[in-house]
């Protein structure tokens, strides 16, 4: 019998392998992001927290300028110690390669008062992840960055995950403190996770 940690490790390995092997990630990412653009949660949001894709994640970086051009206030995360801080982004030129080879705000800009942001003022959070299930269960890399951030957000703030269909599992092992996604968008479907959990 696998322990919970062994179980999670095995799922992460399967999900990473499937995502790396997934063909046409650019085209599938385009379809996913176009679905996001039509959702009421996105249409009605003034302030949107986007992750910036790295390696084999659903690509967001080509859509962040489009969101800014449409009038959205775009917030992006960056690592400070074992937590995420938030940065109001006005131009992709404000980014540089940082920790884990992720595009992050330039260090000289981060300390400016106007470049610090509270997650409680975000209207919509776009969440990355390694594996998901249709109830909205999410598994990250195991470092807890997003778990900590999501616990600080207002409970009513919509949390929408972007994923390839290959990252979906029947049911993930979830701990009591884990936060569920409200919706998951893949190249094939928009999954209403609240409905799957029997919520309205």
N, C-alpha and C. Protein backbone atom coordinates (compact mmCIF):
# COMPACT_ATOMS: atom_id res chain seq x y z
N UNK A 1 0.85 -1.20 0.00
CA UNK A 1 0.00 0.00 0.00
C UNK A 1 0.89 1.24 0.00
N UNK A 2 0.64 2.15 -0.91
CA UNK A 2 1.42 3.38 -0.98
C UNK A 2 1.00 4.34 0.13
N UNK A 3 1.97 5.03 0.72
CA UNK A 3 1.64 6.10 1.64
C UNK A 3 1.13 7.27 0.83
N UNK A 4 0.53 8.26 1.53
CA UNK A 4 0.00 9.43 0.83
C UNK A 4 1.12 10.16 0.08
N UNK A 5 2.30 10.29 0.72
CA UNK A 5 3.41 10.98 0.07
C UNK A 5 3.92 10.22 -1.14
N UNK A 6 4.00 8.88 -1.02
CA UNK A 6 4.42 8.06 -2.16
C UNK A 6 3.41 8.15 -3.29
N UNK A 7 2.13 8.16 -2.90
CA UNK A 7 1.04 8.27 -3.87
C UNK A 7 1.16 9.58 -4.63
N UNK A 8 1.36 10.68 -3.91
CA UNK A 8 1.48 12.00 -4.55
C UNK A 8 2.71 12.05 -5.45
N UNK A 9 3.81 11.47 -4.99
CA UNK A 9 5.04 11.47 -5.79
C UNK A 9 4.80 10.73 -7.11
N UNK A 10 4.11 9.59 -7.05
CA UNK A 10 3.83 8.80 -8.25
C UNK A 10 2.93 9.57 -9.21
N UNK A 11 1.92 10.25 -8.66
CA UNK A 11 1.01 11.04 -9.51
C UNK A 11 1.76 12.19 -10.17
N UNK A 12 2.59 12.88 -9.38
CA UNK A 12 3.37 13.99 -9.96
C UNK A 12 4.25 13.50 -11.10
N UNK A 13 4.89 12.36 -10.90
CA UNK A 13 5.77 11.83 -11.94
C UNK A 13 4.99 11.50 -13.20
N UNK A 14 3.83 10.87 -13.03
CA UNK A 14 2.98 10.54 -14.19
C UNK A 14 2.51 11.81 -14.90
N UNK A 15 2.07 12.80 -14.12
CA UNK A 15 1.54 14.03 -14.70
C UNK A 15 2.64 14.81 -15.42
N UNK A 16 3.82 14.90 -14.81
CA UNK A 16 4.94 15.59 -15.45
C UNK A 16 5.31 14.93 -16.77
N UNK A 17 5.38 13.61 -16.76
CA UNK A 17 5.75 12.87 -17.97
C UNK A 17 4.71 13.08 -19.07
N UNK A 18 3.44 13.04 -18.69
CA UNK A 18 2.36 13.22 -19.67
C UNK A 18 2.38 14.63 -20.24
N UNK A 19 2.62 15.61 -19.38
CA UNK A 19 2.63 17.01 -19.84
C UNK A 19 3.82 17.28 -20.76
N UNK A 20 4.99 16.74 -20.39
CA UNK A 20 6.17 16.92 -21.24
C UNK A 20 5.95 16.31 -22.62
N UNK A 21 5.27 15.16 -22.66
CA UNK A 21 5.06 14.43 -23.91
C UNK A 21 3.89 14.97 -24.73
N UNK A 22 3.10 15.85 -24.14
CA UNK A 22 1.90 16.36 -24.81
C UNK A 22 2.29 17.12 -26.08
N UNK A 23 1.74 16.73 -27.24
CA UNK A 23 2.07 17.45 -28.48
C UNK A 23 1.27 18.74 -28.61
N UNK A 24 1.74 19.62 -29.48
CA UNK A 24 0.99 20.84 -29.84
C UNK A 24 0.61 21.70 -28.64
N UNK A 25 1.55 21.87 -27.70
CA UNK A 25 1.23 22.63 -26.49
C UNK A 25 0.87 24.09 -26.79
N UNK A 26 1.50 24.67 -27.81
CA UNK A 26 1.18 26.07 -28.15
C UNK A 26 -0.26 26.20 -28.63
N UNK A 27 -0.66 25.31 -29.52
CA UNK A 27 -2.02 25.37 -30.06
C UNK A 27 -3.04 25.06 -28.97
N UNK A 28 -2.77 24.06 -28.15
CA UNK A 28 -3.70 23.72 -27.07
C UNK A 28 -3.79 24.84 -26.05
N UNK A 29 -2.66 25.48 -25.78
CA UNK A 29 -2.66 26.63 -24.87
C UNK A 29 -3.52 27.76 -25.43
N UNK A 30 -3.44 27.97 -26.74
CA UNK A 30 -4.26 29.01 -27.37
C UNK A 30 -5.74 28.73 -27.15
N UNK A 31 -6.14 27.46 -27.35
CA UNK A 31 -7.55 27.10 -27.16
C UNK A 31 -7.98 27.28 -25.70
N UNK A 32 -7.09 26.92 -24.78
CA UNK A 32 -7.39 27.05 -23.35
C UNK A 32 -7.57 28.52 -22.98
N UNK A 33 -6.63 29.35 -23.42
CA UNK A 33 -6.70 30.77 -23.07
C UNK A 33 -7.89 31.45 -23.73
N UNK A 34 -8.24 31.04 -24.93
CA UNK A 34 -9.43 31.62 -25.58
C UNK A 34 -10.70 31.24 -24.82
N UNK A 35 -10.73 30.03 -24.27
CA UNK A 35 -11.88 29.65 -23.42
C UNK A 35 -11.92 30.53 -22.16
N UNK A 36 -10.76 30.76 -21.57
CA UNK A 36 -10.70 31.62 -20.39
C UNK A 36 -11.29 32.99 -20.69
N UNK A 37 -10.96 33.54 -21.86
CA UNK A 37 -11.40 34.89 -22.22
C UNK A 37 -12.93 35.01 -22.25
N UNK A 38 -13.62 33.90 -22.47
CA UNK A 38 -15.09 33.96 -22.61
C UNK A 38 -15.82 33.73 -21.28
N UNK A 39 -15.11 33.31 -20.25
CA UNK A 39 -15.77 32.99 -18.98
C UNK A 39 -16.24 34.26 -18.27
N UNK A 40 -17.41 34.23 -17.65
CA UNK A 40 -17.89 35.41 -16.91
C UNK A 40 -16.91 35.85 -15.84
N UNK A 41 -16.25 34.89 -15.19
CA UNK A 41 -15.29 35.25 -14.13
C UNK A 41 -14.16 36.13 -14.68
N UNK A 42 -13.75 35.86 -15.92
CA UNK A 42 -12.69 36.65 -16.53
C UNK A 42 -13.26 37.97 -17.07
N UNK A 43 -14.37 37.88 -17.76
CA UNK A 43 -14.98 39.08 -18.35
C UNK A 43 -15.25 40.14 -17.28
N UNK A 44 -15.73 39.69 -16.11
CA UNK A 44 -16.13 40.62 -15.06
C UNK A 44 -14.99 41.05 -14.14
N UNK A 45 -13.83 40.42 -14.26
CA UNK A 45 -12.72 40.73 -13.37
C UNK A 45 -11.98 41.99 -13.82
N UNK A 46 -11.66 42.84 -12.87
CA UNK A 46 -10.83 44.02 -13.17
C UNK A 46 -9.36 43.72 -12.90
N UNK A 47 -9.10 42.90 -11.87
CA UNK A 47 -7.73 42.58 -11.47
C UNK A 47 -7.54 41.06 -11.54
N UNK A 48 -6.64 40.63 -12.42
CA UNK A 48 -6.44 39.19 -12.66
C UNK A 48 -5.00 38.81 -12.31
N UNK A 49 -4.88 37.80 -11.46
CA UNK A 49 -3.56 37.24 -11.14
C UNK A 49 -3.26 36.11 -12.12
N UNK A 50 -2.24 36.31 -12.95
CA UNK A 50 -1.79 35.30 -13.91
C UNK A 50 -0.49 34.68 -13.43
N UNK A 51 -0.34 33.37 -13.57
CA UNK A 51 1.00 32.79 -13.47
C UNK A 51 1.68 32.98 -14.82
N UNK A 52 3.01 32.99 -14.81
CA UNK A 52 3.78 33.05 -16.06
C UNK A 52 4.33 31.65 -16.31
N UNK A 53 3.99 31.09 -17.45
CA UNK A 53 4.33 29.68 -17.72
C UNK A 53 5.83 29.43 -17.70
N UNK A 54 6.17 28.21 -17.30
CA UNK A 54 7.55 27.75 -17.35
C UNK A 54 7.54 26.30 -17.85
N UNK A 55 8.57 25.96 -18.61
CA UNK A 55 8.72 24.61 -19.15
C UNK A 55 7.43 24.15 -19.85
N UNK A 56 6.81 23.06 -19.39
CA UNK A 56 5.71 22.45 -20.17
C UNK A 56 4.32 22.89 -19.70
N UNK A 57 4.23 23.95 -18.88
CA UNK A 57 2.92 24.41 -18.42
C UNK A 57 2.12 25.01 -19.58
N UNK A 58 0.80 25.09 -19.38
CA UNK A 58 -0.05 25.82 -20.34
C UNK A 58 0.51 27.23 -20.48
N UNK A 59 0.77 27.63 -21.72
CA UNK A 59 1.41 28.91 -22.00
C UNK A 59 0.48 30.09 -21.70
N UNK A 60 0.92 30.99 -20.85
CA UNK A 60 0.14 32.20 -20.57
C UNK A 60 0.83 33.46 -21.05
N UNK A 61 2.15 33.40 -21.26
CA UNK A 61 2.91 34.65 -21.48
C UNK A 61 2.47 35.40 -22.73
N UNK A 62 1.96 34.69 -23.74
CA UNK A 62 1.50 35.38 -24.95
C UNK A 62 0.16 36.07 -24.74
N UNK A 63 -0.55 35.70 -23.65
CA UNK A 63 -1.88 36.25 -23.43
C UNK A 63 -1.91 37.34 -22.37
N UNK A 64 -0.83 37.43 -21.60
CA UNK A 64 -0.77 38.48 -20.57
C UNK A 64 -0.80 39.87 -21.20
N UNK A 65 -0.01 40.15 -22.27
CA UNK A 65 -0.13 41.47 -22.92
C UNK A 65 -1.53 41.73 -23.46
N UNK A 66 -2.17 40.70 -23.97
CA UNK A 66 -3.53 40.85 -24.49
C UNK A 66 -4.49 41.24 -23.36
N UNK A 67 -4.30 40.64 -22.18
CA UNK A 67 -5.16 40.98 -21.04
C UNK A 67 -4.94 42.43 -20.62
N UNK A 68 -3.67 42.85 -20.58
CA UNK A 68 -3.39 44.25 -20.23
C UNK A 68 -3.98 45.21 -21.25
N UNK A 69 -3.87 44.84 -22.53
CA UNK A 69 -4.39 45.70 -23.60
C UNK A 69 -5.92 45.82 -23.54
N UNK A 70 -6.56 44.79 -22.97
CA UNK A 70 -8.03 44.81 -22.88
C UNK A 70 -8.52 45.61 -21.67
N UNK A 71 -7.58 46.14 -20.87
CA UNK A 71 -7.96 46.96 -19.74
C UNK A 71 -7.89 46.27 -18.39
N UNK A 72 -7.49 44.99 -18.37
CA UNK A 72 -7.34 44.29 -17.09
C UNK A 72 -6.09 44.78 -16.37
N UNK A 73 -6.17 44.86 -15.05
CA UNK A 73 -4.96 45.06 -14.24
C UNK A 73 -4.39 43.67 -14.02
N UNK A 74 -3.18 43.43 -14.49
CA UNK A 74 -2.57 42.11 -14.42
C UNK A 74 -1.56 42.07 -13.28
N UNK A 75 -1.69 41.05 -12.43
CA UNK A 75 -0.78 40.83 -11.31
C UNK A 75 -0.03 39.53 -11.57
N UNK A 76 1.28 39.50 -11.33
CA UNK A 76 2.05 38.27 -11.49
C UNK A 76 2.79 37.96 -10.20
N UNK A 77 3.00 36.67 -9.91
CA UNK A 77 3.68 36.29 -8.67
C UNK A 77 5.18 36.13 -8.86
N UNK A 78 5.90 36.23 -7.77
CA UNK A 78 7.32 35.89 -7.76
C UNK A 78 7.69 35.35 -6.38
N UNK A 79 8.74 34.55 -6.32
CA UNK A 79 9.12 33.87 -5.09
C UNK A 79 9.95 34.77 -4.19
N UNK A 80 9.56 34.80 -2.92
CA UNK A 80 10.37 35.43 -1.88
C UNK A 80 10.43 34.43 -0.73
N UNK A 81 11.60 33.83 -0.52
CA UNK A 81 11.70 32.78 0.49
C UNK A 81 10.82 31.61 0.10
N UNK A 82 9.90 31.22 0.99
CA UNK A 82 9.02 30.09 0.69
C UNK A 82 7.59 30.54 0.40
N UNK A 83 7.44 31.82 -0.01
CA UNK A 83 6.11 32.34 -0.32
C UNK A 83 6.14 33.11 -1.64
N UNK A 84 4.95 33.43 -2.12
CA UNK A 84 4.81 34.24 -3.33
C UNK A 84 4.46 35.67 -2.96
N UNK A 85 5.12 36.63 -3.57
CA UNK A 85 4.72 38.03 -3.50
C UNK A 85 4.10 38.41 -4.84
N UNK A 86 3.34 39.50 -4.85
CA UNK A 86 2.60 39.88 -6.05
C UNK A 86 3.07 41.22 -6.59
N UNK A 87 3.04 41.33 -7.91
CA UNK A 87 3.59 42.48 -8.63
C UNK A 87 2.60 42.93 -9.69
N UNK A 88 2.14 44.20 -9.65
CA UNK A 88 1.29 44.72 -10.72
C UNK A 88 2.14 44.95 -11.97
N UNK A 89 1.81 44.25 -13.03
CA UNK A 89 2.62 44.29 -14.26
C UNK A 89 2.04 45.28 -15.26
N UNK A 90 2.89 46.14 -15.78
CA UNK A 90 2.44 47.10 -16.79
C UNK A 90 3.05 46.82 -18.16
N UNK A 91 4.15 46.06 -18.18
CA UNK A 91 4.81 45.74 -19.44
C UNK A 91 5.62 44.47 -19.25
N UNK A 92 5.71 43.66 -20.30
CA UNK A 92 6.54 42.46 -20.23
C UNK A 92 8.02 42.82 -20.07
N UNK A 93 8.37 44.07 -20.37
CA UNK A 93 9.74 44.53 -20.21
C UNK A 93 10.14 44.63 -18.73
N UNK A 94 9.17 44.57 -17.84
CA UNK A 94 9.46 44.61 -16.41
C UNK A 94 9.92 43.25 -15.86
N UNK A 95 9.97 42.24 -16.73
CA UNK A 95 10.30 40.87 -16.29
C UNK A 95 11.71 40.47 -16.68
N UNK A 96 12.27 39.53 -15.89
CA UNK A 96 13.56 38.93 -16.19
C UNK A 96 13.54 37.48 -15.70
N UNK A 97 14.49 36.66 -16.15
CA UNK A 97 14.57 35.28 -15.71
C UNK A 97 15.03 35.25 -14.25
N UNK A 98 14.22 34.55 -13.39
CA UNK A 98 14.54 34.48 -11.97
C UNK A 98 14.62 33.05 -11.48
N UNK A 99 14.13 32.81 -10.27
CA UNK A 99 14.21 31.49 -9.64
C UNK A 99 13.50 30.43 -10.48
N UNK A 100 14.06 29.23 -10.49
CA UNK A 100 13.49 28.09 -11.23
C UNK A 100 13.33 28.41 -12.73
N UNK A 101 14.13 29.38 -13.22
CA UNK A 101 14.08 29.81 -14.63
C UNK A 101 12.71 30.35 -15.02
N UNK A 102 12.02 30.93 -14.05
CA UNK A 102 10.71 31.52 -14.27
C UNK A 102 10.89 33.01 -14.54
N UNK A 103 10.11 33.54 -15.48
CA UNK A 103 10.11 35.00 -15.69
C UNK A 103 9.52 35.66 -14.45
N UNK A 104 10.27 36.60 -13.87
CA UNK A 104 9.83 37.30 -12.67
C UNK A 104 10.08 38.79 -12.81
N UNK A 105 9.41 39.60 -11.98
CA UNK A 105 9.67 41.04 -12.01
C UNK A 105 11.14 41.34 -11.70
N UNK A 106 11.67 42.34 -12.38
CA UNK A 106 13.05 42.74 -12.14
C UNK A 106 13.23 43.17 -10.68
N UNK A 107 14.34 42.75 -10.10
CA UNK A 107 14.58 42.98 -8.67
C UNK A 107 14.52 44.46 -8.30
N UNK A 108 15.01 45.32 -9.18
CA UNK A 108 15.06 46.74 -8.83
C UNK A 108 13.67 47.39 -8.80
N UNK A 109 12.68 46.70 -9.36
CA UNK A 109 11.32 47.25 -9.37
C UNK A 109 10.48 46.77 -8.19
N UNK A 110 10.87 45.66 -7.58
CA UNK A 110 10.00 45.00 -6.60
C UNK A 110 9.76 45.81 -5.33
N UNK A 111 10.75 46.63 -4.93
CA UNK A 111 10.63 47.34 -3.66
C UNK A 111 9.79 48.61 -3.76
N UNK A 112 9.47 49.02 -4.97
CA UNK A 112 8.67 50.23 -5.12
C UNK A 112 7.29 50.01 -4.51
N UNK A 113 6.82 51.00 -3.77
CA UNK A 113 5.53 50.87 -3.07
C UNK A 113 4.41 50.54 -4.02
N UNK A 114 4.41 51.18 -5.19
CA UNK A 114 3.31 50.96 -6.14
C UNK A 114 3.41 49.60 -6.82
N UNK A 115 4.51 48.88 -6.59
CA UNK A 115 4.70 47.57 -7.21
C UNK A 115 4.51 46.42 -6.22
N UNK A 116 3.79 46.71 -5.12
CA UNK A 116 3.46 45.67 -4.16
C UNK A 116 1.94 45.55 -4.11
N UNK A 117 1.46 44.32 -4.00
CA UNK A 117 0.02 44.12 -4.15
C UNK A 117 -0.47 43.05 -3.19
N UNK A 118 -1.68 43.24 -2.68
CA UNK A 118 -2.31 42.31 -1.74
C UNK A 118 -3.26 41.39 -2.50
N UNK A 119 -3.12 40.10 -2.29
CA UNK A 119 -3.97 39.13 -2.99
C UNK A 119 -5.45 39.33 -2.68
N UNK A 120 -5.76 39.98 -1.57
CA UNK A 120 -7.17 40.22 -1.22
C UNK A 120 -7.83 41.22 -2.18
N UNK A 121 -7.02 41.93 -2.96
CA UNK A 121 -7.57 42.88 -3.93
C UNK A 121 -7.66 42.30 -5.34
N UNK A 122 -7.39 41.02 -5.47
CA UNK A 122 -7.45 40.34 -6.77
C UNK A 122 -8.87 39.82 -7.01
N UNK A 123 -9.37 39.99 -8.23
CA UNK A 123 -10.74 39.55 -8.57
C UNK A 123 -10.78 38.11 -9.10
N UNK A 124 -9.67 37.63 -9.65
CA UNK A 124 -9.62 36.31 -10.27
C UNK A 124 -8.19 35.79 -10.20
N UNK A 125 -8.04 34.53 -9.78
CA UNK A 125 -6.72 33.93 -9.69
C UNK A 125 -6.61 32.79 -10.71
N UNK A 126 -5.65 32.89 -11.62
CA UNK A 126 -5.37 31.84 -12.59
C UNK A 126 -4.25 30.98 -12.00
N UNK A 127 -4.53 29.70 -11.84
CA UNK A 127 -3.65 28.83 -11.05
C UNK A 127 -2.99 27.76 -11.92
N UNK A 128 -1.68 27.59 -11.80
CA UNK A 128 -1.02 26.47 -12.47
C UNK A 128 -1.07 25.23 -11.56
N UNK A 129 -0.63 24.12 -12.07
CA UNK A 129 -0.56 22.91 -11.25
C UNK A 129 0.02 21.76 -12.05
N UNK A 130 0.36 20.72 -11.34
CA UNK A 130 0.92 19.52 -11.97
C UNK A 130 -0.19 18.54 -12.34
N UNK A 131 -1.13 18.34 -11.41
CA UNK A 131 -2.22 17.37 -11.63
C UNK A 131 -3.50 17.93 -11.02
N UNK A 132 -4.63 17.53 -11.60
CA UNK A 132 -5.94 17.98 -11.13
C UNK A 132 -6.93 16.83 -11.22
N UNK A 133 -8.05 16.97 -10.50
CA UNK A 133 -9.19 16.10 -10.77
C UNK A 133 -10.41 16.98 -11.01
N UNK A 134 -11.50 16.39 -11.50
CA UNK A 134 -12.64 17.19 -11.94
C UNK A 134 -13.43 17.80 -10.80
N UNK A 135 -13.14 17.41 -9.56
CA UNK A 135 -13.75 18.07 -8.40
C UNK A 135 -13.05 19.39 -8.09
N UNK A 136 -11.91 19.62 -8.78
CA UNK A 136 -11.12 20.81 -8.49
C UNK A 136 -9.93 20.53 -7.60
N UNK A 137 -9.71 19.25 -7.29
CA UNK A 137 -8.51 18.89 -6.54
C UNK A 137 -7.28 19.27 -7.34
N UNK A 138 -6.28 19.79 -6.65
CA UNK A 138 -5.07 20.27 -7.32
C UNK A 138 -3.84 19.73 -6.61
N UNK A 139 -2.82 19.40 -7.40
CA UNK A 139 -1.53 19.02 -6.85
C UNK A 139 -0.47 19.87 -7.54
N UNK A 140 0.30 20.61 -6.74
CA UNK A 140 1.39 21.40 -7.28
C UNK A 140 2.70 20.62 -7.21
N UNK A 141 3.79 21.35 -7.16
CA UNK A 141 5.10 20.71 -7.11
C UNK A 141 5.45 20.21 -5.72
N UNK A 142 4.65 20.59 -4.72
CA UNK A 142 4.91 20.14 -3.37
C UNK A 142 5.63 21.17 -2.52
N UNK A 143 5.89 22.34 -3.08
CA UNK A 143 6.59 23.39 -2.33
C UNK A 143 5.63 24.28 -1.55
N UNK A 144 4.36 24.27 -1.90
CA UNK A 144 3.36 25.00 -1.13
C UNK A 144 3.20 26.47 -1.44
N UNK A 145 3.86 26.96 -2.50
CA UNK A 145 3.77 28.39 -2.81
C UNK A 145 2.32 28.84 -3.02
N UNK A 146 1.63 28.15 -3.91
CA UNK A 146 0.25 28.56 -4.23
C UNK A 146 -0.70 28.25 -3.10
N UNK A 147 -0.46 27.16 -2.36
CA UNK A 147 -1.33 26.85 -1.21
C UNK A 147 -1.35 28.02 -0.23
N UNK A 148 -0.18 28.55 0.08
CA UNK A 148 -0.10 29.67 1.02
C UNK A 148 -0.78 30.91 0.46
N UNK A 149 -0.56 31.17 -0.82
CA UNK A 149 -1.17 32.35 -1.43
C UNK A 149 -2.70 32.24 -1.45
N UNK A 150 -3.21 31.08 -1.84
CA UNK A 150 -4.66 30.90 -1.95
C UNK A 150 -5.34 31.00 -0.59
N UNK A 151 -4.66 30.60 0.46
CA UNK A 151 -5.23 30.72 1.81
C UNK A 151 -5.36 32.18 2.23
N UNK A 152 -4.55 33.06 1.65
CA UNK A 152 -4.62 34.49 1.99
C UNK A 152 -5.67 35.23 1.16
N UNK A 153 -6.08 34.64 0.04
CA UNK A 153 -7.06 35.30 -0.83
C UNK A 153 -8.44 35.27 -0.18
N UNK A 154 -9.31 36.16 -0.64
CA UNK A 154 -10.70 36.11 -0.17
C UNK A 154 -11.32 34.80 -0.62
N UNK A 155 -12.07 34.12 0.24
CA UNK A 155 -12.65 32.82 -0.11
C UNK A 155 -13.51 32.87 -1.37
N UNK A 156 -14.15 34.02 -1.60
CA UNK A 156 -15.06 34.12 -2.75
C UNK A 156 -14.34 34.43 -4.06
N UNK A 157 -13.04 34.71 -4.02
CA UNK A 157 -12.31 35.00 -5.25
C UNK A 157 -12.24 33.74 -6.11
N UNK A 158 -12.72 33.79 -7.36
CA UNK A 158 -12.68 32.59 -8.21
C UNK A 158 -11.25 32.13 -8.47
N UNK A 159 -11.08 30.83 -8.44
CA UNK A 159 -9.78 30.21 -8.71
C UNK A 159 -9.95 29.29 -9.92
N UNK A 160 -9.32 29.65 -11.01
CA UNK A 160 -9.47 28.89 -12.26
C UNK A 160 -8.11 28.33 -12.66
N UNK A 161 -8.05 27.02 -12.83
CA UNK A 161 -6.81 26.36 -13.22
C UNK A 161 -6.78 26.15 -14.73
N UNK A 162 -5.58 26.28 -15.30
CA UNK A 162 -5.35 25.99 -16.71
C UNK A 162 -4.53 24.71 -16.79
N UNK A 163 -4.98 23.74 -17.57
CA UNK A 163 -4.28 22.46 -17.63
C UNK A 163 -4.55 21.78 -18.96
N UNK A 164 -3.65 20.91 -19.35
CA UNK A 164 -3.92 20.03 -20.48
C UNK A 164 -4.74 18.84 -19.98
N UNK A 165 -5.54 18.30 -20.86
CA UNK A 165 -6.40 17.18 -20.49
C UNK A 165 -5.59 16.03 -19.87
N UNK A 166 -4.36 15.86 -20.32
CA UNK A 166 -3.51 14.76 -19.83
C UNK A 166 -3.14 14.92 -18.36
N UNK A 167 -3.39 16.10 -17.78
CA UNK A 167 -3.06 16.34 -16.37
C UNK A 167 -4.20 15.98 -15.44
N UNK A 168 -5.34 15.55 -15.99
CA UNK A 168 -6.51 15.22 -15.17
C UNK A 168 -6.45 13.77 -14.72
N UNK A 169 -6.73 13.56 -13.43
CA UNK A 169 -6.76 12.23 -12.84
C UNK A 169 -8.16 11.98 -12.28
N UNK A 170 -8.48 10.71 -12.04
CA UNK A 170 -9.80 10.34 -11.54
C UNK A 170 -10.09 11.02 -10.20
N UNK A 171 -9.16 10.90 -9.26
CA UNK A 171 -9.31 11.56 -7.96
C UNK A 171 -7.95 11.68 -7.31
N UNK A 172 -7.63 12.90 -6.88
CA UNK A 172 -6.34 13.14 -6.22
C UNK A 172 -6.48 13.02 -4.71
N UNK A 173 -5.44 12.57 -4.03
CA UNK A 173 -5.46 12.58 -2.57
C UNK A 173 -5.35 14.03 -2.09
N UNK A 174 -6.32 14.48 -1.32
CA UNK A 174 -6.35 15.87 -0.85
C UNK A 174 -6.25 15.90 0.67
N UNK A 175 -5.50 16.86 1.18
CA UNK A 175 -5.38 17.07 2.61
C UNK A 175 -6.41 18.11 3.05
N UNK A 176 -6.76 18.12 4.36
CA UNK A 176 -7.81 19.04 4.83
C UNK A 176 -7.53 20.51 4.51
N UNK A 177 -6.26 20.91 4.48
CA UNK A 177 -5.94 22.32 4.25
C UNK A 177 -5.89 22.68 2.76
N UNK A 178 -5.99 21.69 1.88
CA UNK A 178 -5.88 21.96 0.44
C UNK A 178 -7.10 22.74 -0.06
N UNK A 179 -6.86 23.62 -1.00
CA UNK A 179 -7.93 24.45 -1.57
C UNK A 179 -8.29 23.93 -2.95
N UNK A 180 -9.59 23.78 -3.19
CA UNK A 180 -10.10 23.28 -4.46
C UNK A 180 -10.25 24.42 -5.46
N UNK A 181 -10.09 24.09 -6.74
CA UNK A 181 -10.33 25.03 -7.83
C UNK A 181 -11.84 25.15 -8.07
N UNK A 182 -12.25 26.31 -8.59
CA UNK A 182 -13.67 26.49 -8.95
C UNK A 182 -13.94 25.97 -10.36
N UNK A 183 -12.97 26.17 -11.25
CA UNK A 183 -13.10 25.65 -12.61
C UNK A 183 -11.72 25.22 -13.11
N UNK A 184 -11.71 24.27 -14.03
CA UNK A 184 -10.48 23.88 -14.71
C UNK A 184 -10.75 23.99 -16.20
N UNK A 185 -9.87 24.67 -16.91
CA UNK A 185 -10.01 24.79 -18.36
C UNK A 185 -8.94 23.93 -19.02
N UNK A 186 -9.36 23.02 -19.89
CA UNK A 186 -8.42 22.26 -20.72
C UNK A 186 -8.69 22.58 -22.18
N UNK A 187 -7.90 21.96 -23.05
CA UNK A 187 -8.10 22.18 -24.49
C UNK A 187 -9.42 21.58 -24.98
N UNK A 188 -10.06 20.74 -24.15
CA UNK A 188 -11.31 20.08 -24.57
C UNK A 188 -12.55 20.60 -23.86
N UNK A 189 -12.40 21.15 -22.66
CA UNK A 189 -13.57 21.35 -21.81
C UNK A 189 -13.31 22.43 -20.76
N UNK A 190 -14.41 23.04 -20.29
CA UNK A 190 -14.36 23.84 -19.06
C UNK A 190 -15.10 23.02 -18.00
N UNK A 191 -14.37 22.59 -16.98
CA UNK A 191 -14.96 21.76 -15.94
C UNK A 191 -15.42 22.64 -14.78
N UNK A 192 -16.70 22.51 -14.44
CA UNK A 192 -17.27 23.24 -13.31
C UNK A 192 -17.05 22.40 -12.05
N UNK A 193 -16.00 22.71 -11.34
CA UNK A 193 -15.59 21.87 -10.21
C UNK A 193 -16.53 22.04 -9.02
N UNK A 194 -17.08 23.22 -8.85
CA UNK A 194 -18.04 23.43 -7.74
C UNK A 194 -19.26 22.54 -7.93
N UNK A 195 -19.75 22.46 -9.16
CA UNK A 195 -20.90 21.59 -9.44
C UNK A 195 -20.53 20.12 -9.18
N UNK A 196 -19.30 19.75 -9.54
CA UNK A 196 -18.86 18.36 -9.33
C UNK A 196 -18.78 18.03 -7.85
N UNK A 197 -18.59 19.03 -7.00
CA UNK A 197 -18.54 18.82 -5.56
C UNK A 197 -19.90 19.01 -4.91
N UNK A 198 -20.93 19.27 -5.74
CA UNK A 198 -22.29 19.43 -5.22
C UNK A 198 -22.56 20.82 -4.66
N UNK A 199 -21.72 21.80 -5.08
CA UNK A 199 -21.92 23.18 -4.65
C UNK A 199 -22.58 23.96 -5.77
N UNK A 200 -23.21 25.08 -5.42
CA UNK A 200 -23.85 25.89 -6.47
C UNK A 200 -22.93 27.00 -6.90
